[in-house]
Amino acid sequence: MTQTRKLTYEDAVLTILAREFSSTETKETEAKIKRKLREKKLGKYDPQRVNRLRHLKDVVQTEVEKCDKSKYYSNFAGEFADMKDFDTLRMTEDFAAAFPEVPKQSINEFIEYFIYLHYIR
């Protein structure tokens, strides 16, 4: 039996931000975030908190977009894109240190989701 973790404010916001591709989508994204927080009863919309999470997303996005130029890119790369192409544990440690207010588990899950969404697919 697998144990599921309770959805956090950070998880909800980061999941939505992962699909935000440009700053032109900000208003639409803000509406989605507000709706998700309200539906899941995770707290009030906090623009400073969301902007900090958006900054985390931007940093992760920058690293993933670098592909083999990223300092987190591993030498395990095979012929096809794979989760092992990035050192997600080191990314998690580094980003958790840079963003101490965000739970480490949320950062790890976001990094893996973002790599899947923007690199593997």
Protein backbone atom coordinates (compact mmCIF):
# COMPACT_ATOMS: atom_id res chain seq x y z
CA MET A 1 0.00 0.00 0.00
CA THR A 2 1.44 3.34 -1.00
CA GLN A 3 1.14 6.28 1.30
CA THR A 4 0.05 9.52 -0.33
CA ARG A 5 1.20 12.87 0.91
CA LYS A 6 -1.21 15.70 1.62
CA LEU A 7 -1.16 18.39 -1.07
CA THR A 8 0.59 21.54 0.13
CA TYR A 9 0.26 25.16 -0.95
CA GLU A 10 3.64 24.87 -2.69
CA ASP A 11 2.70 21.66 -4.51
CA ALA A 12 -0.50 23.20 -5.86
CA VAL A 13 1.19 26.39 -7.05
CA LEU A 14 4.25 24.68 -8.55
CA THR A 15 2.10 22.22 -10.49
CA ILE A 16 0.35 25.12 -12.18
CA LEU A 17 3.53 27.13 -12.68
CA ALA A 18 5.19 24.17 -14.41
CA ARG A 19 2.87 24.78 -17.36
CA GLU A 20 3.45 28.53 -17.48
CA PHE A 21 5.67 29.17 -20.49
CA SER A 22 5.96 32.93 -20.61
CA SER A 23 5.29 36.06 -18.62
CA THR A 24 2.38 36.84 -20.95
CA GLU A 25 0.40 34.03 -19.34
CA THR A 26 0.71 35.48 -15.83
CA LYS A 27 -2.89 36.68 -15.44
CA GLU A 28 -4.30 33.36 -16.62
CA THR A 29 -1.90 31.48 -14.35
CA GLU A 30 -2.80 33.67 -11.36
CA ALA A 31 -6.49 32.86 -11.88
CA LYS A 32 -5.71 29.12 -12.02
CA ILE A 33 -3.63 29.34 -8.85
CA LYS A 34 -6.35 31.22 -6.97
CA ARG A 35 -8.98 28.70 -8.08
CA LYS A 36 -6.82 25.71 -7.07
CA LEU A 37 -6.02 27.17 -3.65
CA ARG A 38 -9.70 27.92 -3.06
CA GLU A 39 -10.89 24.48 -4.24
CA LYS A 40 -8.33 22.59 -2.15
CA LYS A 41 -8.68 24.94 0.85
CA LEU A 42 -4.91 25.50 1.00
CA GLY A 43 -4.96 29.11 2.09
CA LYS A 44 -5.29 32.57 0.66
CA TYR A 45 -3.44 33.70 -2.42
CA ASP A 46 -0.15 35.30 -1.38
CA PRO A 47 1.52 37.16 -4.29
CA GLN A 48 4.95 37.23 -2.59
CA ARG A 49 4.85 33.51 -1.92
CA VAL A 50 3.73 32.76 -5.47
CA ASN A 51 6.44 35.02 -6.93
CA ARG A 52 9.07 33.17 -4.87
CA LEU A 53 7.75 29.85 -6.23
CA ARG A 54 7.75 31.34 -9.74
CA HIS A 55 11.41 32.25 -9.23
CA LEU A 56 12.13 28.63 -8.23
CA LYS A 57 10.35 27.49 -11.39
CA ASP A 58 12.42 29.88 -13.50
CA VAL A 59 15.69 28.61 -12.00
CA VAL A 60 14.72 24.98 -12.60
CA GLN A 61 13.55 25.81 -16.11
CA THR A 62 16.86 27.51 -16.91
CA GLU A 63 18.81 24.42 -15.85
CA VAL A 64 16.58 21.96 -17.69
CA GLU A 65 16.66 24.05 -20.88
CA LYS A 66 20.47 23.92 -20.86
CA CYS A 67 20.22 20.14 -21.35
CA ASP A 68 23.76 18.72 -21.62
CA LYS A 69 25.25 22.14 -20.75
CA SER A 70 23.61 22.08 -17.30
CA LYS A 71 25.85 21.44 -14.31
CA TYR A 72 23.22 18.90 -13.22
CA TYR A 73 23.35 16.94 -16.46
CA SER A 74 24.76 13.48 -15.85
CA ASN A 75 26.93 11.36 -18.09
CA PHE A 76 24.37 8.56 -18.05
CA ALA A 77 22.66 10.01 -21.10
CA GLY A 78 21.73 7.37 -23.57
CA GLU A 79 20.14 7.60 -26.97
CA PHE A 80 16.78 8.75 -25.59
CA ALA A 81 15.82 11.36 -23.00
CA ASP A 82 15.58 9.86 -19.53
CA MET A 83 15.10 11.05 -15.93
CA LYS A 84 18.64 9.83 -15.21
CA ASP A 85 19.97 12.53 -17.56
CA PHE A 86 19.75 14.97 -14.63
CA ASP A 87 21.09 14.58 -11.11
CA THR A 88 17.76 15.32 -9.43
CA LEU A 89 19.09 14.63 -5.93
CA ARG A 90 21.82 17.26 -6.28
CA MET A 91 19.34 19.66 -7.88
CA THR A 92 17.00 19.15 -4.94
CA GLU A 93 19.77 19.75 -2.39
CA ASP A 94 20.98 22.91 -4.15
CA PHE A 95 17.53 24.38 -4.70
CA ALA A 96 16.39 23.49 -1.17
CA ALA A 97 19.37 25.48 0.13
CA ALA A 98 18.52 28.40 -2.17
CA PHE A 99 14.80 28.28 -1.31
CA PRO A 100 14.66 27.21 2.37
CA GLU A 101 11.04 28.33 2.75
CA VAL A 102 9.89 25.67 0.25
CA PRO A 103 9.63 22.10 1.60
CA LYS A 104 12.39 19.89 0.21
CA GLN A 105 9.95 17.17 -0.81
CA SER A 106 7.92 19.70 -2.81
CA ILE A 107 11.09 20.84 -4.59
CA ASN A 108 12.09 17.27 -5.40
CA GLU A 109 8.67 16.35 -6.77
CA PHE A 110 8.53 19.58 -8.78
CA ILE A 111 11.96 19.01 -10.33
CA GLU A 112 11.03 15.48 -11.39
CA TYR A 113 7.67 16.65 -12.76
CA PHE A 114 9.29 19.56 -14.61
CA ILE A 115 11.96 17.32 -16.19
CA TYR A 116 9.27 14.90 -17.29
CA LEU A 117 7.06 17.66 -18.68
CA HIS A 118 9.71 19.77 -20.44
CA TYR A 119 12.58 17.41 -21.21
CA ILE A 120 11.38 13.86 -21.56
CA ARG A 121 8.09 14.47 -23.37
